[in-house]
Amino acid sequence: MDFYDKEILEYAEQHSQPEPELLVKLNRETNQKIMSPRMLSGHLQGRILSMLSKLINPKNILEIGTYTGYSALCLAEGLQEDGYLHTIDNNEELYDFQRKYFDQSWYGGRIVQHLGNALEVIPKLEVKFDLVFIDADKENYPNYLNAVIPKLNPGALVLSDNVLWSRKVISPLKPNDKVTKILMEYNQMLNNHPKFESVLLPIRDGITLSRFIG
């Protein structure tokens, strides 16, 4: 869901850097062939991810939730020349699709795919990260945050996607809506966390920027 009307969104996209050609192709093929294409970051959010990464110029990036690889390629644009992006997903069927586009990019050799449960993969990574993007199953957002804290360099940026959850976080909570309840608790957790300073941006479905202050 986008929280701006269609004309404003189109104007913002027209006055932002265009999608690189490879991402245009990835966007198109995702919409043609892959289930739930709404999960794709898309033009505007993708350029925001790219800009944040370029401003940080990270040595190492961690992405939790790869989908078809669009956001990974956006984040990789800011990598240092000897940096790596580690991306984790449990959908084996998308692995080759992701790899096809990673290998067509400038960063293919520096994007490391991990297939499996992120909560099992993260503790095994012997890397400290400057940038983390959390965009997987919402029920585990608090667990993902706790798992990555020991892996963060001072000043690292953690991005949490879909934190407005189609406006459900500001609507009356339904008794059986576990996911929304967890996201509401996660948003409160981030806002009050002593190790982070955070700002929630109402872009697309909401994205929170959290700076690790240790």
Protein backbone atom coordinates (compact mmCIF):
# COMPACT_ATOMS: atom_id res chain seq x y z
CA MET A 1 0.00 0.00 0.00
CA ASP A 2 1.18 3.52 -0.82
CA PHE A 3 0.17 6.33 1.54
CA TYR A 4 0.19 9.00 -1.13
CA ASP A 5 -2.25 9.37 -4.00
CA LYS A 6 -1.26 7.99 -7.38
CA GLU A 7 -0.50 11.40 -8.92
CA ILE A 8 1.85 12.36 -6.09
CA LEU A 9 3.60 9.00 -6.33
CA GLU A 10 4.03 9.37 -10.09
CA TYR A 11 5.36 12.91 -9.63
CA ALA A 12 7.86 11.69 -7.02
CA GLU A 13 9.05 8.91 -9.32
CA GLN A 14 9.35 11.30 -12.28
CA HIS A 15 11.53 13.60 -10.18
CA SER A 16 13.72 10.87 -8.75
CA GLN A 17 16.58 8.97 -10.37
CA PRO A 18 15.10 6.44 -12.82
CA GLU A 19 15.34 2.71 -12.18
CA PRO A 20 18.48 1.18 -13.65
CA GLU A 21 17.67 -0.89 -16.74
CA LEU A 22 18.37 -4.20 -14.96
CA LEU A 23 15.87 -3.32 -12.22
CA VAL A 24 13.26 -2.38 -14.82
CA LYS A 25 13.64 -5.88 -16.27
CA LEU A 26 13.51 -7.49 -12.83
CA ASN A 27 10.44 -5.46 -11.91
CA ARG A 28 8.68 -6.48 -15.11
CA GLU A 29 9.53 -10.19 -14.85
CA THR A 30 8.53 -10.30 -11.18
CA ASN A 31 5.11 -8.88 -12.06
CA GLN A 32 4.72 -11.29 -14.97
CA LYS A 33 5.88 -14.54 -13.37
CA ILE A 34 6.12 -14.39 -9.57
CA MET A 35 3.38 -14.59 -6.98
CA SER A 36 2.70 -11.54 -4.78
CA PRO A 37 4.60 -8.94 -6.88
CA ARG A 38 3.37 -6.31 -4.42
CA MET A 39 6.25 -7.49 -2.20
CA LEU A 40 8.75 -5.87 -4.59
CA SER A 41 10.29 -2.66 -3.23
CA GLY A 42 9.62 -0.80 -6.49
CA HIS A 43 11.01 2.35 -8.06
CA LEU A 44 10.68 4.99 -5.33
CA GLN A 45 11.54 2.84 -2.33
CA GLY A 46 14.30 1.19 -4.31
CA ARG A 47 15.93 4.56 -5.01
CA ILE A 48 15.61 5.43 -1.31
CA LEU A 49 17.37 2.19 -0.36
CA SER A 50 20.08 2.94 -2.91
CA MET A 51 20.57 6.49 -1.61
CA LEU A 52 20.77 5.40 2.03
CA SER A 53 23.31 2.74 1.14
CA LYS A 54 25.41 5.21 -0.85
CA LEU A 55 25.37 7.68 2.05
CA ILE A 56 26.54 4.99 4.47
CA ASN A 57 28.94 3.32 2.01
CA PRO A 58 28.78 0.03 3.95
CA LYS A 59 31.48 -2.62 4.00
CA ASN A 60 28.89 -5.32 4.73
CA ILE A 61 25.11 -5.42 4.31
CA LEU A 62 22.64 -7.96 5.66
CA GLU A 63 19.22 -8.43 4.08
CA ILE A 64 16.59 -10.61 5.75
CA GLY A 65 14.05 -11.55 3.06
CA THR A 66 15.30 -11.57 -0.53
CA TYR A 67 12.12 -12.14 -2.56
CA THR A 68 13.25 -11.67 -6.21
CA GLY A 69 16.36 -9.64 -5.39
CA TYR A 70 15.25 -6.09 -6.24
CA SER A 71 16.03 -4.55 -2.86
CA ALA A 72 19.35 -6.41 -2.64
CA LEU A 73 20.48 -4.89 -5.93
CA CYS A 74 19.42 -1.43 -4.76
CA LEU A 75 21.31 -1.76 -1.49
CA ALA A 76 24.38 -3.18 -3.26
CA GLU A 77 24.78 0.09 -5.17
CA GLY A 78 26.34 1.65 -2.07
CA LEU A 79 28.78 -1.13 -1.20
CA GLN A 80 32.46 -0.42 -0.75
CA GLU A 81 34.58 -1.94 -3.51
CA ASP A 82 35.59 -4.84 -1.27
CA GLY A 83 32.22 -5.09 0.49
CA TYR A 84 29.65 -7.88 0.50
CA LEU A 85 25.89 -8.17 0.76
CA HIS A 86 24.50 -11.24 2.53
CA THR A 87 20.85 -11.95 1.79
CA ILE A 88 18.75 -14.64 3.50
CA ASP A 89 15.55 -16.27 2.26
CA ASN A 90 13.83 -19.61 2.85
CA ASN A 91 12.13 -19.83 -0.56
CA GLU A 92 14.20 -22.30 -2.54
CA GLU A 93 12.09 -21.76 -5.68
CA LEU A 94 13.29 -18.16 -6.04
CA TYR A 95 17.00 -18.90 -5.56
CA ASP A 96 17.88 -19.28 -9.26
CA PHE A 97 15.68 -16.32 -10.24
CA GLN A 98 17.57 -14.11 -7.79
CA ARG A 99 20.94 -15.42 -8.93
CA LYS A 100 20.14 -14.72 -12.58
CA TYR A 101 19.71 -11.03 -11.86
CA PHE A 102 22.52 -10.81 -9.33
CA ASP A 103 24.93 -12.22 -11.91
CA GLN A 104 23.84 -9.63 -14.49
CA SER A 105 24.73 -6.80 -12.10
CA TRP A 106 28.05 -5.19 -11.23
CA TYR A 107 27.78 -6.76 -7.77
CA GLY A 108 27.05 -10.40 -8.58
CA GLY A 109 30.27 -11.73 -7.11
CA ARG A 110 29.70 -9.77 -3.92
CA ILE A 111 26.12 -10.87 -3.23
CA VAL A 112 26.04 -13.99 -1.05
CA GLN A 113 22.76 -15.92 -0.93
CA HIS A 114 21.83 -17.89 2.18
CA LEU A 115 18.95 -20.34 1.93
CA GLY A 116 17.21 -21.19 5.20
CA ASN A 117 15.83 -19.85 8.45
CA ALA A 118 17.34 -16.42 9.13
CA LEU A 119 17.32 -17.00 12.89
CA GLU A 120 19.58 -20.01 12.32
CA VAL A 121 21.74 -18.38 9.64
CA ILE A 122 22.47 -15.03 11.35
CA PRO A 123 24.38 -16.41 14.38
CA LYS A 124 26.66 -18.33 12.01
CA LEU A 125 27.70 -15.24 10.03
CA GLU A 126 31.17 -14.17 11.13
CA VAL A 127 30.64 -10.63 9.86
CA LYS A 128 29.84 -7.24 11.38
CA PHE A 129 27.30 -5.21 9.42
CA ASP A 130 26.94 -1.49 8.68
CA LEU A 131 23.48 -1.79 7.13
CA VAL A 132 20.63 -4.26 7.73
CA PHE A 133 17.33 -4.49 5.87
CA ILE A 134 14.57 -6.49 7.60
CA ASP A 135 11.82 -7.46 5.17
CA ALA A 136 10.73 -11.02 5.92
CA ASP A 137 7.91 -12.63 7.94
CA LYS A 138 6.55 -9.94 10.25
CA GLU A 139 5.94 -12.29 13.19
CA ASN A 140 9.71 -12.59 13.64
CA TYR A 141 10.66 -8.91 13.39
CA PRO A 142 11.47 -8.66 17.14
CA ASN A 143 13.50 -11.86 16.92
CA TYR A 144 15.38 -10.65 13.84
CA LEU A 145 16.24 -7.39 15.55
CA ASN A 146 17.57 -9.17 18.62
CA ALA A 147 19.53 -11.57 16.42
CA VAL A 148 21.29 -8.81 14.46
CA ILE A 149 22.22 -6.55 17.40
CA PRO A 150 25.42 -8.54 18.20
CA LYS A 151 26.35 -8.31 14.52
CA LEU A 152 26.15 -4.50 14.21
CA ASN A 153 29.01 -2.04 13.95
CA PRO A 154 28.61 1.23 15.90
CA GLY A 155 26.46 3.62 13.88
CA ALA A 156 24.98 0.86 11.76
CA LEU A 157 21.59 1.50 10.17
CA VAL A 158 18.75 -1.02 10.50
CA LEU A 159 15.83 -0.63 8.08
CA SER A 160 12.50 -2.29 8.93
CA ASP A 161 9.98 -2.55 6.09
CA ASN A 162 6.16 -2.77 6.13
CA VAL A 163 5.87 -1.32 9.63
CA LEU A 164 2.52 0.38 8.87
CA TRP A 165 1.06 -2.90 7.57
CA SER A 166 -1.59 -1.47 5.24
CA ARG A 167 -2.71 0.97 7.99
CA LYS A 168 -3.65 -1.90 10.29
CA VAL A 169 -1.34 -0.58 13.02
CA ILE A 170 -3.59 2.48 13.42
CA SER A 171 -6.90 0.59 13.09
CA PRO A 172 -8.80 -1.23 15.85
CA LEU A 173 -6.93 -4.46 16.49
CA LYS A 174 -8.89 -7.61 15.66
CA PRO A 175 -8.65 -10.29 18.38
CA ASN A 176 -7.15 -12.92 16.06
CA ASP A 177 -4.74 -10.60 14.20
CA LYS A 178 -1.45 -11.81 15.63
CA VAL A 179 0.75 -10.26 12.94
CA THR A 180 -0.54 -6.72 13.41
CA LYS A 181 -0.22 -7.04 17.19
CA ILE A 182 3.41 -8.12 16.86
CA LEU A 183 4.18 -5.26 14.46
CA MET A 184 2.60 -2.74 16.82
CA GLU A 185 4.73 -4.12 19.63
CA TYR A 186 7.80 -4.07 17.38
CA ASN A 187 7.25 -0.41 16.47
CA GLN A 188 6.98 0.45 20.16
CA MET A 189 10.04 -1.68 20.91
CA LEU A 190 12.14 0.19 18.34
CA ASN A 191 10.90 3.58 19.45
CA ASN A 192 11.89 2.90 23.06
CA HIS A 193 14.99 0.76 22.48
CA PRO A 194 18.02 2.12 24.38
CA LYS A 195 20.42 0.93 21.66
CA PHE A 196 18.71 2.72 18.76
CA GLU A 197 17.44 6.08 17.64
CA SER A 198 14.62 5.65 15.13
CA VAL A 199 12.37 7.49 12.72
CA LEU A 200 9.36 5.90 10.98
CA LEU A 201 8.78 7.14 7.45
CA PRO A 202 5.29 6.79 5.86
CA ILE A 203 6.73 5.67 2.51
CA ARG A 204 4.78 2.91 0.73
CA ASP A 205 3.89 0.53 3.58
CA GLY A 206 6.10 2.28 6.10
CA ILE A 207 9.84 1.93 6.71
CA THR A 208 11.67 2.63 9.95
CA LEU A 209 15.26 3.85 9.98
CA SER A 210 17.07 2.90 13.20
CA ARG A 211 20.62 3.98 13.95
CA PHE A 212 22.54 1.68 16.28
CA ILE A 213 24.08 3.68 19.10
CA GLY A 214 25.23 0.69 21.15
